[in-house]
Amino acid sequence: MRNFRKMGLALLASVSMTMGLMADGETKSELADAQEGEGQYGRLVLRGAYIIDGTGAPAYGPADVVVEKNRITEIKVVGTPGNPIKPEGRPAKGDREIDATGKYILPGFVDVHAHIHGEDFGQGVSPEYIFKLWLAHGVTTARIVGFSGDERTVDFKRRSAKNEITAPRIVAYSSFAGIETEKQARETIQRFKKIGSDGVKFVGNPKKALIAGLDEAEKLGLRTTMHHSQTAVTDANVLDTTAHGLDSMEHWYGLPEAMFEDRLIQDYPADYIYTDEMDRFGEAGKLWKQAAKPGSDKWNEVMETLLARDFAINPTFTIYVASRDLMRMSRAIWHDEYTMPALWDFYRPSAEAHGSYWFDWTTGHEVEWQKNYKIWMQFINEYKNRGGKIGVGSDTGYIYSLYGFGYIQEFELLQEAGFHPLEVIRSATTIGAEEMGMEDEIGAVEVGKKADLVVVDENPLHNFKVLYGTGAVKLNKETGLVERVGGVRWTIKDGIVYDAFKLRADVRAMVRDAKVKAGMNPDKPLAIANAPRAE
C-alpha cells in the first residue's frame, strides 16, 4: 500500500487517476445500494429551532420549518426566545415531527474540495466510511476534485442523486492530469462532458494544454478550478489562469507567485528536489514571505484583478495545519476511535510517501509555517472583506486530516483568519453553492430550496467545536459537572433524515472491527511512528 503513494502532486495525480480508472464501473461492489436515512416524507416538520440561514443574517427563532418531500415549503417564526410557544398559528402536523426546541438549524454544508478514496487507493478506506463521516458532520454536498476516478465519481453522483446510497450530493470535477498537448486537452474535456462531469480540476499542465483545456471547458459549460503546481506555476500563475477564464483555485499555490516583485521563481535552495517531500513542504512554508507585503501596490493589484474576475479561492487551511503543529494533529482526539488503521499507516512518517514528510520535521519548519499562515490568512480575510468568494474545502485523507473532522476544522481556521462565525457559515453554504452554480437549489435555509439541513443541539456560532463528531467540553451549570456536548444531531440531505449519532457509531464500529482484524488492540492509542526507539 505504501508503495502506491508516490512523491509529488504531479506524480500523485497521474497515479491516482490511473487507480481511479481501474475502479471505474466497480462501485456496485464498493458500495452496495443502501439508503440508511429515513424519508423523504410527504410532510416533515422541525419544531422550535433557531435558524442560521447561511446568508450571513443573524440567527432568529424559535421557528418551525416545513419540508415536503425534498423542498422547504414554509419557515415560520413561532415565538420569542425563552417564552412558551403558543400552539395556535403553528404549521400543521407532519407525517414526521422533529422536536428541535432550543436546537440550531443550518443549511447543509458544502465541501468544495473533497476526494472519494477507496480500498485500492493509498488510504485503504471504503467510500461508505468516507460518506458516513461527511454526513455525520453535516456535509450534504461534496465537490469531488479529481483523484477519485472519473467514471467512478460520476456513478456515485448519479446514485446519490437518486438517493440509492447513503452519501452527500456529489458534484464531479474530473482531474485534468497528465495532459500535455492542445489536441489531448480538447479531447479530454469533451470526454469529461460526455461522461457527465460537472467541472474540471487542472493540475500544473503545460501552458498550451492548460489554455486549450480552459477554453474548451468554457465552450462546453464546465466549471473549472486548479491546483497551481510548483512544477508549472512559473508558466501560469493565478493571474495567467484567471485571464483565460479559470473560475476558482485550490490551496494557495500560484497566488503568492503572482505577487513576486523581485523574482520570477521561488527562492529554492540549490539542492532542492521537488519530489523530495521534505524539500517540497519545507520550502512551501516560506513562500508567502517572498511575495509582496500586505497592503502594498502589488498586493492590491493582484487582489483587485481577482475580484474583478469574480474569482473564488478555496484555501483548504486544514490540510496543511499539521505543518505548523505536528503533535496537535497527530494526537487529535478523534484519531483513536475514527481513523482506520490503514489510513493511519498512510499518514505515518515515510521517506517515500506523499504527505508523510515527518521523518525530520523540525521546530524551524513549524515556525516558518506559522509565519506563512499569518500572511496567507490575512490575504484570505481581506479578499472576503472586499467581496471575494472564499469556499470551505477540506482535502481530507492526507496529512493527519480526517474526513468530516477536517472540514469542521476549516471553520475554526477561517475564524482564526478573521472571519466572523456567520461569515464562516456563509462561506460553507451560500458561497459554496454559488461557486458551483447551485445557489438556486442549495446553500440557504429558504423556502423553495432543497431540504439540505444540519440540526445541532448547541450553538455553533458560540463554539464551532460542537460540530465535531467528538463534540466539545462544557460545564453543566445545573450539575456543576464537566461534560461533552454537541456533535451534529441530524443531517437532512434532499429531505432524507440521517441520525448523525448513528452514523458516527457505525464508523466507530468499522474502525474497531478493522483494528481487531489487523491484530491491533482497539483500545490502545495509535502511535505516530512504527520505528523502534533508539534505546
Protein backbone atom coordinates (compact mmCIF):
# COMPACT_ATOMS: atom_id res chain seq x y z
CA MET A 1 0.00 0.00 0.00
CA ARG A 2 2.71 2.48 0.92
CA ASN A 3 4.49 1.94 -2.40
CA PHE A 4 1.38 3.32 -4.13
CA ARG A 5 1.92 6.77 -2.69
CA LYS A 6 4.41 8.46 -4.95
CA MET A 7 6.08 11.70 -4.07
CA GLY A 8 4.90 14.96 -5.57
CA LEU A 9 1.41 16.04 -6.56
CA ALA A 10 2.05 15.76 -10.29
CA LEU A 11 3.03 12.13 -9.85
CA LEU A 12 0.22 11.54 -7.40
CA ALA A 13 -2.24 12.97 -9.89
CA SER A 14 -1.37 10.53 -12.65
CA VAL A 15 -1.15 7.54 -10.31
CA SER A 16 -4.43 8.35 -8.56
CA MET A 17 -6.15 8.90 -11.89
CA THR A 18 -4.94 5.50 -13.07
CA MET A 19 -6.13 3.78 -9.91
CA GLY A 20 -9.48 5.52 -10.18
CA LEU A 21 -9.95 4.40 -13.76
CA MET A 22 -9.15 0.83 -12.72
CA ALA A 23 -12.04 1.08 -10.29
CA ASP A 24 -14.49 2.62 -12.81
CA GLY A 25 -17.63 0.57 -13.19
CA GLU A 26 -16.93 -1.29 -9.94
CA THR A 27 -18.75 0.96 -7.50
CA LYS A 28 -21.52 -1.57 -7.04
CA SER A 29 -19.04 -3.82 -5.25
CA GLU A 30 -17.51 -0.88 -3.36
CA LEU A 31 -20.80 0.46 -2.08
CA ALA A 32 -23.98 -1.55 -2.45
CA ASP A 33 -27.28 0.28 -2.78
CA ALA A 34 -28.17 1.05 0.82
CA GLN A 35 -30.18 4.08 1.80
CA GLU A 36 -29.91 4.25 5.60
CA GLY A 37 -31.72 7.53 6.06
CA GLU A 38 -35.44 7.99 6.67
CA GLY A 39 -37.79 9.69 4.23
CA GLN A 40 -38.49 11.53 2.05
CA TYR A 41 -41.73 12.46 3.78
CA GLY A 42 -44.89 13.95 2.37
CA ARG A 43 -44.61 16.45 5.19
CA LEU A 44 -41.71 16.75 7.66
CA VAL A 45 -41.87 19.45 10.35
CA LEU A 46 -38.95 20.58 12.52
CA ARG A 47 -40.26 22.47 15.53
CA GLY A 48 -38.96 25.31 17.66
CA ALA A 49 -35.41 25.74 16.39
CA TYR A 50 -33.18 28.76 15.97
CA ILE A 51 -32.31 29.31 12.32
CA ILE A 52 -28.87 30.26 10.96
CA ASP A 53 -29.90 30.61 7.34
CA GLY A 54 -26.46 30.77 5.68
CA THR A 55 -26.89 34.18 4.04
CA GLY A 56 -24.97 35.98 6.78
CA ALA A 57 -28.11 37.05 8.63
CA PRO A 58 -28.05 36.60 12.42
CA ALA A 59 -29.83 33.65 13.98
CA TYR A 60 -33.56 34.00 14.52
CA GLY A 61 -36.40 32.00 16.04
CA PRO A 62 -37.76 29.89 17.52
CA ALA A 63 -39.18 28.82 14.18
CA ASP A 64 -40.84 25.80 12.59
CA VAL A 65 -39.52 24.51 9.26
CA VAL A 66 -41.79 22.51 6.95
CA VAL A 67 -40.34 20.18 4.33
CA GLU A 68 -42.48 18.47 1.70
CA LYS A 69 -40.57 15.63 0.05
CA ASN A 70 -37.25 17.35 -0.71
CA ARG A 71 -38.20 21.06 -0.62
CA ILE A 72 -38.57 23.62 2.14
CA THR A 73 -42.13 24.88 1.81
CA GLU A 74 -42.58 27.00 4.93
CA ILE A 75 -40.48 28.70 7.62
CA LYS A 76 -42.48 30.35 10.36
CA VAL A 77 -41.27 32.21 13.45
CA VAL A 78 -43.49 30.88 16.23
CA GLY A 79 -42.36 32.75 19.33
CA THR A 80 -39.59 34.63 21.08
CA PRO A 81 -36.57 33.20 22.91
CA GLY A 82 -37.25 31.94 26.43
CA ASN A 83 -41.02 32.26 26.26
CA PRO A 84 -43.61 29.49 25.84
CA ILE A 85 -44.69 28.89 22.26
CA LYS A 86 -48.43 29.15 21.69
CA PRO A 87 -49.79 26.24 19.65
CA GLU A 88 -52.17 28.36 17.60
CA GLY A 89 -50.71 29.64 14.37
CA ARG A 90 -48.02 26.95 14.12
CA PRO A 91 -47.77 24.92 10.90
CA ALA A 92 -50.00 21.85 10.70
CA LYS A 93 -48.78 18.46 11.88
CA GLY A 94 -46.47 16.49 9.62
CA ASP A 95 -46.01 12.83 8.73
CA ARG A 96 -42.91 13.10 10.87
CA GLU A 97 -42.19 15.66 13.56
CA ILE A 98 -38.74 16.51 14.94
CA ASP A 99 -38.62 18.39 18.21
CA ALA A 100 -35.79 20.86 17.62
CA THR A 101 -36.63 23.09 20.58
CA GLY A 102 -33.55 25.09 21.54
CA LYS A 103 -31.50 23.46 18.80
CA TYR A 104 -29.97 25.20 15.77
CA ILE A 105 -30.79 24.55 12.12
CA LEU A 106 -28.26 25.47 9.45
CA PRO A 107 -28.10 24.82 5.70
CA GLY A 108 -26.35 21.61 4.67
CA PHE A 109 -22.61 22.18 4.42
CA VAL A 110 -20.77 22.24 1.09
CA ASP A 111 -17.25 20.81 0.96
CA VAL A 112 -15.73 22.29 -2.20
CA HIS A 113 -12.54 20.22 -2.09
CA ALA A 114 -13.07 16.51 -1.46
CA HIS A 115 -11.92 13.10 -2.72
CA ILE A 116 -13.61 9.70 -2.62
CA HIS A 117 -10.74 7.37 -1.87
CA GLY A 118 -11.27 3.63 -1.89
CA GLU A 119 -9.78 0.28 -0.88
CA ASP A 120 -7.48 0.38 -3.94
CA PHE A 121 -6.23 3.87 -3.17
CA GLY A 122 -3.38 4.57 -0.78
CA GLN A 123 -5.69 5.45 2.08
CA GLY A 124 -7.17 1.96 2.08
CA VAL A 125 -10.64 3.08 3.20
CA SER A 126 -14.12 2.46 1.79
CA PRO A 127 -16.48 5.04 0.28
CA GLU A 128 -19.04 4.08 2.95
CA TYR A 129 -16.58 5.14 5.66
CA ILE A 130 -15.96 8.49 3.95
CA PHE A 131 -19.60 9.22 3.15
CA LYS A 132 -20.76 8.49 6.69
CA LEU A 133 -18.09 10.73 8.19
CA TRP A 134 -19.10 13.53 5.84
CA LEU A 135 -22.82 13.22 6.56
CA ALA A 136 -22.12 12.86 10.29
CA HIS A 137 -20.51 16.30 10.17
CA GLY A 138 -23.29 17.98 8.22
CA VAL A 139 -21.74 17.79 4.74
CA THR A 140 -24.66 17.36 2.33
CA THR A 141 -22.79 18.34 -0.84
CA ALA A 142 -19.23 17.33 -1.73
CA ARG A 143 -17.40 18.64 -4.77
CA ILE A 144 -15.03 15.85 -5.80
CA VAL A 145 -11.98 17.45 -7.40
CA GLY A 146 -10.28 14.52 -9.11
CA PHE A 147 -8.12 11.68 -7.81
CA SER A 148 -11.20 9.51 -7.32
CA GLY A 149 -11.70 8.03 -10.80
CA ASP A 150 -13.74 9.98 -13.35
CA GLU A 151 -16.45 7.46 -14.26
CA ARG A 152 -16.42 6.12 -10.70
CA THR A 153 -17.18 9.58 -9.29
CA VAL A 154 -19.92 10.22 -11.84
CA ASP A 155 -21.51 6.89 -10.91
CA PHE A 156 -21.54 7.87 -7.23
CA LYS A 157 -23.02 11.22 -8.28
CA ARG A 158 -25.90 9.56 -10.13
CA ARG A 159 -26.65 7.07 -7.38
CA SER A 160 -26.61 9.77 -4.72
CA ALA A 161 -28.90 11.98 -6.81
CA LYS A 162 -31.39 9.08 -6.91
CA ASN A 163 -30.92 8.62 -3.14
CA GLU A 164 -29.92 4.99 -3.68
CA ILE A 165 -26.93 5.27 -1.36
CA THR A 166 -26.08 6.88 1.97
CA ALA A 167 -23.96 9.75 0.70
CA PRO A 168 -23.89 13.53 0.29
CA ARG A 169 -24.85 15.05 -3.04
CA ILE A 170 -21.84 14.60 -5.33
CA VAL A 171 -20.55 17.26 -7.70
CA ALA A 172 -17.99 15.69 -10.05
CA TYR A 173 -14.91 17.60 -11.21
CA SER A 174 -12.64 15.39 -13.29
CA SER A 175 -8.86 15.64 -12.99
CA PHE A 176 -7.01 17.19 -15.92
CA ALA A 177 -3.75 15.43 -15.03
CA GLY A 178 -1.02 14.30 -17.40
CA ILE A 179 -2.43 16.22 -20.40
CA GLU A 180 0.35 17.76 -22.49
CA THR A 181 -0.97 18.79 -25.94
CA GLU A 182 -3.74 21.07 -27.13
CA LYS A 183 -5.39 18.20 -29.02
CA GLN A 184 -5.30 15.99 -25.93
CA ALA A 185 -6.68 18.85 -23.88
CA ARG A 186 -9.76 19.42 -26.00
CA GLU A 187 -10.48 15.72 -26.42
CA THR A 188 -10.15 15.17 -22.67
CA ILE A 189 -12.53 18.00 -21.81
CA GLN A 190 -15.03 16.65 -24.35
CA ARG A 191 -14.79 13.22 -22.70
CA PHE A 192 -15.43 14.76 -19.29
CA LYS A 193 -18.57 16.43 -20.63
CA LYS A 194 -19.75 13.21 -22.28
CA ILE A 195 -19.47 11.08 -19.14
CA GLY A 196 -21.40 13.61 -17.02
CA SER A 197 -18.71 15.59 -15.19
CA ASP A 198 -19.77 18.95 -13.76
CA GLY A 199 -16.34 20.56 -13.98
CA VAL A 200 -12.60 20.17 -14.32
CA LYS A 201 -9.70 20.38 -11.89
CA PHE A 202 -6.46 21.43 -13.59
CA VAL A 203 -3.11 20.41 -12.09
CA GLY A 204 0.08 22.03 -13.37
CA ASN A 205 -0.20 21.27 -17.08
CA PRO A 206 1.95 22.76 -19.86
CA LYS A 207 0.63 26.21 -20.65
CA LYS A 208 -0.68 25.48 -24.17
CA ALA A 209 -2.59 22.43 -22.97
CA LEU A 210 -3.89 24.34 -19.97
CA ILE A 211 -5.19 27.26 -22.04
CA ALA A 212 -6.79 24.92 -24.57
CA GLY A 213 -8.44 22.98 -21.75
CA LEU A 214 -9.80 26.13 -20.13
CA ASP A 215 -11.15 27.34 -23.47
CA GLU A 216 -12.85 24.02 -24.22
CA ALA A 217 -14.34 23.82 -20.72
CA GLU A 218 -15.85 27.27 -21.11
CA LYS A 219 -17.32 26.35 -24.50
CA LEU A 220 -18.93 23.23 -23.04
CA GLY A 221 -20.18 24.91 -19.88
CA LEU A 222 -17.93 23.03 -17.45
CA ARG A 223 -16.75 24.93 -14.37
CA THR A 224 -13.06 24.98 -13.56
CA THR A 225 -10.69 25.00 -10.63
CA MET A 226 -6.94 24.49 -10.31
CA HIS A 227 -4.07 23.45 -8.11
CA HIS A 228 -1.26 25.62 -9.48
CA SER A 229 1.50 23.05 -9.02
CA GLN A 230 5.03 24.35 -8.43
CA THR A 231 6.16 22.30 -11.42
CA ALA A 232 4.30 24.65 -13.78
CA VAL A 233 3.49 27.81 -11.83
CA THR A 234 6.27 29.84 -13.50
CA ASP A 235 4.41 29.38 -16.80
CA ALA A 236 0.98 30.09 -15.36
CA ASN A 237 0.24 31.71 -12.01
CA VAL A 238 -3.23 32.73 -10.88
CA LEU A 239 -3.23 35.97 -12.93
CA ASP A 240 -2.46 33.98 -16.09
CA THR A 241 -5.11 31.31 -15.50
CA THR A 242 -7.88 33.71 -14.48
CA ALA A 243 -7.17 35.74 -17.62
CA HIS A 244 -8.16 32.60 -19.53
CA GLY A 245 -11.36 32.05 -17.55
CA LEU A 246 -10.39 29.90 -14.55
CA ASP A 247 -13.27 30.05 -12.05
CA SER A 248 -11.55 29.13 -8.78
CA MET A 249 -8.32 27.89 -7.21
CA GLU A 250 -7.40 25.33 -4.56
CA HIS A 251 -4.89 25.86 -1.72
CA TRP A 252 -2.63 28.88 -2.27
CA TYR A 253 -0.01 27.87 -4.83
CA GLY A 254 0.03 30.31 -7.74
CA LEU A 255 -1.20 33.23 -5.66
CA PRO A 256 1.98 34.44 -3.94
CA GLU A 257 3.89 33.81 -7.19
CA ALA A 258 1.57 36.33 -8.84
CA MET A 259 2.78 38.87 -6.25
CA PHE A 260 6.52 38.40 -6.65
CA GLU A 261 8.25 41.76 -7.05
CA ASP A 262 11.95 40.95 -7.02
CA ARG A 263 11.92 37.48 -8.58
CA LEU A 264 10.04 35.31 -11.06
CA ILE A 265 10.75 31.94 -9.44
CA GLN A 266 10.53 30.93 -5.79
CA ASP A 267 13.86 31.12 -3.94
CA TYR A 268 14.60 27.39 -3.93
CA PRO A 269 17.85 26.14 -2.35
CA ALA A 270 20.34 24.85 -4.91
CA ASP A 271 19.88 21.24 -3.74
CA TYR A 272 16.05 21.39 -3.77
CA ILE A 273 14.29 18.40 -5.35
CA TYR A 274 10.53 18.75 -5.77
CA THR A 275 9.87 15.03 -5.39
CA ASP A 276 11.61 15.00 -2.02
CA GLU A 277 8.67 15.58 0.28
CA MET A 278 10.80 17.29 2.93
CA ASP A 279 12.05 19.76 0.31
CA ARG A 280 8.63 20.31 -1.15
CA PHE A 281 6.72 21.02 2.05
CA GLY A 282 9.64 22.55 3.92
CA GLU A 283 10.11 25.24 1.27
CA ALA A 284 6.38 25.69 0.72
CA GLY A 285 6.20 27.12 4.23
CA LYS A 286 8.46 30.01 3.17
CA LEU A 287 6.55 31.04 0.06
CA TRP A 288 4.24 33.80 1.27
CA LYS A 289 7.05 35.87 2.79
CA GLN A 290 8.70 36.04 -0.67
CA ALA A 291 5.62 37.78 -2.10
CA ALA A 292 4.65 41.45 -1.96
CA LYS A 293 3.94 42.77 1.51
CA PRO A 294 0.34 43.08 2.71
CA GLY A 295 -1.16 46.40 1.67
CA SER A 296 1.50 47.09 -0.98
CA ASP A 297 0.62 48.22 -4.50
CA LYS A 298 1.35 44.75 -5.90
CA TRP A 299 -0.73 43.05 -3.20
CA ASN A 300 -3.67 45.33 -4.02
CA GLU A 301 -3.21 44.99 -7.77
CA VAL A 302 -3.47 41.20 -7.64
CA MET A 303 -6.41 41.27 -5.24
CA GLU A 304 -8.33 43.83 -7.29
CA THR A 305 -7.74 41.86 -10.50
CA LEU A 306 -9.08 38.64 -8.98
CA LEU A 307 -12.06 40.46 -7.50
CA ALA A 308 -12.89 41.98 -10.89
CA ARG A 309 -12.80 38.48 -12.40
CA ASP A 310 -15.26 37.17 -9.75
CA PHE A 311 -12.72 34.54 -8.79
CA ALA A 312 -13.26 32.09 -5.92
CA ILE A 313 -10.48 30.92 -3.59
CA ASN A 314 -10.65 27.69 -1.58
CA PRO A 315 -7.73 27.89 0.86
CA THR A 316 -8.05 24.44 2.50
CA PHE A 317 -6.12 25.66 5.54
CA THR A 318 -6.92 22.42 7.32
CA ILE A 319 -4.88 20.12 5.11
CA TYR A 320 -1.61 21.93 5.91
CA VAL A 321 -2.20 22.65 9.59
CA ALA A 322 -0.04 19.70 10.73
CA SER A 323 2.91 21.52 9.16
CA ARG A 324 2.68 24.21 11.83
CA ASP A 325 1.85 21.86 14.74
CA LEU A 326 2.53 18.18 14.03
CA MET A 327 1.93 16.98 17.58
CA ARG A 328 -1.51 18.57 17.75
CA MET A 329 -2.74 17.00 14.53
CA SER A 330 -1.17 13.58 15.03
CA ARG A 331 -2.73 13.34 18.51
CA ALA A 332 -6.15 14.80 17.65
CA ILE A 333 -8.69 13.14 19.92
CA TRP A 334 -10.72 11.71 17.05
CA HIS A 335 -7.94 9.51 15.62
CA ASP A 336 -8.24 6.67 18.14
CA GLU A 337 -11.92 5.96 17.50
CA TYR A 338 -12.47 7.26 13.98
CA THR A 339 -9.25 6.75 11.98
CA MET A 340 -8.96 3.43 10.16
CA PRO A 341 -5.67 1.53 10.75
CA ALA A 342 -4.88 1.52 7.02
CA LEU A 343 -5.40 5.28 6.88
CA TRP A 344 -3.24 5.74 9.96
CA ASP A 345 -0.49 3.78 8.22
CA PHE A 346 -0.92 6.07 5.22
CA TYR A 347 -0.37 9.12 7.45
CA ARG A 348 2.73 7.91 9.28
CA PRO A 349 6.27 9.14 8.53
CA SER A 350 7.71 7.77 5.30
CA ALA A 351 10.52 8.96 3.07
CA GLU A 352 8.66 7.52 0.08
CA ALA A 353 5.08 8.66 0.62
CA HIS A 354 3.18 11.78 -0.41
CA GLY A 355 2.19 13.92 2.56
CA SER A 356 4.15 11.86 5.11
CA TYR A 357 7.16 14.12 5.43
CA TRP A 358 7.51 13.79 9.20
CA PHE A 359 10.80 11.90 9.34
CA ASP A 360 12.80 15.05 10.14
CA TRP A 361 10.21 17.77 10.73
CA THR A 362 11.71 20.43 12.95
CA THR A 363 10.68 23.32 15.17
CA GLY A 364 12.13 25.57 12.48
CA HIS A 365 9.76 24.14 9.88
CA GLU A 366 6.79 24.71 12.15
CA VAL A 367 7.80 28.30 12.87
CA GLU A 368 8.10 29.05 9.15
CA TRP A 369 4.67 27.57 8.54
CA GLN A 370 3.17 29.60 11.40
CA LYS A 371 4.52 32.75 9.75
CA ASN A 372 3.25 31.54 6.37
CA TYR A 373 -0.27 31.13 7.76
CA LYS A 374 -0.36 34.68 9.15
CA ILE A 375 0.18 36.27 5.73
CA TRP A 376 -1.96 33.72 3.90
CA MET A 377 -4.84 34.23 6.32
CA GLN A 378 -4.50 37.99 6.04
CA PHE A 379 -4.94 37.81 2.26
CA ILE A 380 -7.94 35.48 2.52
CA ASN A 381 -9.70 37.60 5.13
CA GLU A 382 -9.09 40.82 3.21
CA TYR A 383 -10.27 39.19 -0.02
CA LYS A 384 -13.51 38.21 1.73
CA ASN A 385 -13.89 41.72 3.18
CA ARG A 386 -13.62 43.22 -0.30
CA GLY A 387 -16.39 40.96 -1.60
CA GLY A 388 -14.40 37.98 -2.84
CA LYS A 389 -15.72 34.42 -2.70
CA ILE A 390 -13.99 32.12 -0.19
CA GLY A 391 -15.12 28.49 -0.23
CA VAL A 392 -14.76 25.90 2.52
CA GLY A 393 -12.85 22.84 1.39
CA SER A 394 -11.05 20.11 3.31
CA ASP A 395 -8.93 17.87 1.01
CA THR A 396 -9.06 15.29 3.81
CA GLY A 397 -7.49 11.85 3.72
CA TYR A 398 -3.93 13.21 3.79
CA ILE A 399 -1.51 14.68 6.33
CA TYR A 400 -3.38 13.60 9.52
CA SER A 401 -6.59 15.30 8.35
CA LEU A 402 -9.65 13.07 8.72
CA TYR A 403 -12.82 13.12 6.63
CA GLY A 404 -15.55 15.24 8.25
CA PHE A 405 -13.40 16.33 11.17
CA GLY A 406 -11.02 18.22 8.88
CA TYR A 407 -13.96 20.04 7.29
CA ILE A 408 -15.11 21.40 10.65
CA GLN A 409 -11.52 22.32 11.49
CA GLU A 410 -11.59 24.57 8.41
CA PHE A 411 -14.37 26.54 10.15
CA GLU A 412 -12.08 27.16 13.11
CA LEU A 413 -9.18 28.17 10.88
CA LEU A 414 -11.31 30.65 8.95
CA GLN A 415 -12.39 32.16 12.26
CA GLU A 416 -8.70 32.39 13.18
CA ALA A 417 -8.13 34.19 9.87
CA GLY A 418 -10.60 36.89 10.97
CA PHE A 419 -13.97 35.63 9.73
CA HIS A 420 -16.98 36.21 11.96
CA PRO A 421 -18.67 32.83 12.64
CA LEU A 422 -21.61 33.95 10.47
CA GLU A 423 -19.15 34.64 7.65
CA VAL A 424 -17.71 31.15 8.07
CA ILE A 425 -21.16 29.57 7.80
CA ARG A 426 -21.92 31.74 4.77
CA SER A 427 -18.75 30.50 3.06
CA ALA A 428 -19.62 26.90 3.92
CA THR A 429 -23.13 27.17 2.49
CA THR A 430 -24.15 30.12 0.32
CA ILE A 431 -20.71 30.73 -1.20
CA GLY A 432 -20.08 27.03 -1.79
CA ALA A 433 -23.38 26.78 -3.64
CA GLU A 434 -22.61 29.89 -5.71
CA GLU A 435 -19.18 28.57 -6.62
CA MET A 436 -20.80 25.54 -8.25
CA GLY A 437 -23.71 27.44 -9.80
CA MET A 438 -26.20 25.71 -7.47
CA GLU A 439 -27.38 28.72 -5.46
CA ASP A 440 -30.96 28.36 -6.72
CA GLU A 441 -31.13 24.86 -5.23
CA ILE A 442 -28.98 24.69 -2.09
CA GLY A 443 -26.90 26.83 0.27
CA ALA A 444 -29.51 28.52 2.46
CA VAL A 445 -32.47 27.77 4.72
CA GLU A 446 -35.05 29.36 2.44
CA VAL A 447 -38.47 28.45 1.12
CA GLY A 448 -38.13 26.79 -2.27
CA LYS A 449 -34.61 25.48 -1.69
CA LYS A 450 -33.84 21.78 -1.38
CA ALA A 451 -34.12 20.42 2.14
CA ASP A 452 -30.41 20.16 2.94
CA LEU A 453 -30.23 20.94 6.65
CA VAL A 454 -27.99 20.45 9.68
CA VAL A 455 -29.51 20.22 13.16
CA VAL A 456 -27.23 20.60 16.18
CA ASP A 457 -28.06 20.74 19.90
CA GLU A 458 -25.63 23.55 20.73
CA ASN A 459 -24.99 26.98 19.26
CA PRO A 460 -22.18 26.62 16.68
CA LEU A 461 -21.73 30.39 16.47
CA HIS A 462 -20.60 30.31 20.08
CA ASN A 463 -18.23 27.38 19.58
CA PHE A 464 -17.56 25.55 16.30
CA LYS A 465 -16.20 22.61 18.30
CA VAL A 466 -19.79 21.47 18.90
CA LEU A 467 -19.89 20.47 15.22
CA TYR A 468 -17.09 17.90 15.61
CA GLY A 469 -18.17 14.29 15.95
CA THR A 470 -16.28 14.25 19.25
CA GLY A 471 -18.21 17.31 20.48
CA ALA A 472 -16.94 19.95 22.88
CA VAL A 473 -16.20 20.09 26.59
CA LYS A 474 -18.68 22.23 28.53
CA LEU A 475 -19.59 22.92 32.15
CA ASN A 476 -23.13 21.89 33.06
CA LYS A 477 -24.18 24.80 35.26
CA GLU A 478 -27.04 22.82 36.80
CA THR A 479 -24.95 19.84 37.94
CA GLY A 480 -21.58 21.58 38.24
CA LEU A 481 -20.06 18.72 36.20
CA VAL A 482 -17.97 18.97 33.06
CA GLU A 483 -19.47 17.04 30.17
CA ARG A 484 -19.00 16.57 26.45
CA VAL A 485 -21.76 18.08 24.32
CA GLY A 486 -22.59 18.53 20.68
CA GLY A 487 -21.89 16.67 17.53
CA VAL A 488 -24.38 17.15 14.70
CA ARG A 489 -27.72 15.59 15.75
CA TRP A 490 -29.43 15.15 12.39
CA THR A 491 -28.25 15.76 8.85
CA ILE A 492 -31.01 16.14 6.28
CA LYS A 493 -30.00 15.73 2.64
CA ASP A 494 -32.61 16.10 -0.09
CA GLY A 495 -35.36 15.67 2.51
CA ILE A 496 -33.90 12.41 3.86
CA VAL A 497 -33.17 12.41 7.60
CA TYR A 498 -29.92 10.87 8.82
CA ASP A 499 -29.28 10.23 12.50
CA ALA A 500 -25.75 11.62 12.80
CA PHE A 501 -25.24 9.88 16.14
CA LYS A 502 -25.90 6.53 14.46
CA LEU A 503 -23.63 7.37 11.52
CA ARG A 504 -20.76 8.06 13.90
CA ALA A 505 -21.48 4.87 15.84
CA ASP A 506 -21.31 2.94 12.55
CA VAL A 507 -17.90 4.45 11.80
CA ARG A 508 -16.57 3.67 15.26
CA ALA A 509 -17.68 0.07 14.81
CA MET A 510 -15.95 -0.11 11.40
CA VAL A 511 -12.71 1.18 12.90
CA ARG A 512 -12.85 -1.18 15.86
CA ASP A 513 -13.53 -4.19 13.63
CA ALA A 514 -10.66 -3.24 11.30
CA LYS A 515 -8.26 -2.96 14.24
CA VAL A 516 -9.26 -6.37 15.59
CA LYS A 517 -8.84 -7.95 12.13
CA ALA A 518 -5.39 -6.34 11.88
CA GLY A 519 -4.38 -7.87 15.23
CA MET A 520 -4.31 -4.49 16.96
CA ASN A 521 -5.56 -3.61 20.42
CA PRO A 522 -8.59 -1.43 19.61
CA ASP A 523 -8.28 0.38 22.96
CA LYS A 524 -4.62 1.32 22.60
CA PRO A 525 -3.76 4.82 21.25
CA LEU A 526 -2.29 4.90 17.76
CA ALA A 527 1.47 5.50 17.50
CA ILE A 528 2.78 8.18 15.16
CA ALA A 529 5.82 6.15 14.02
CA ASN A 530 6.36 2.44 13.55
CA ALA A 531 10.13 2.54 14.12
CA PRO A 532 11.64 1.24 17.40
CA ARG A 533 13.02 3.67 19.97
CA ALA A 534 16.77 4.24 19.95
CA GLU A 535 17.14 2.82 23.47
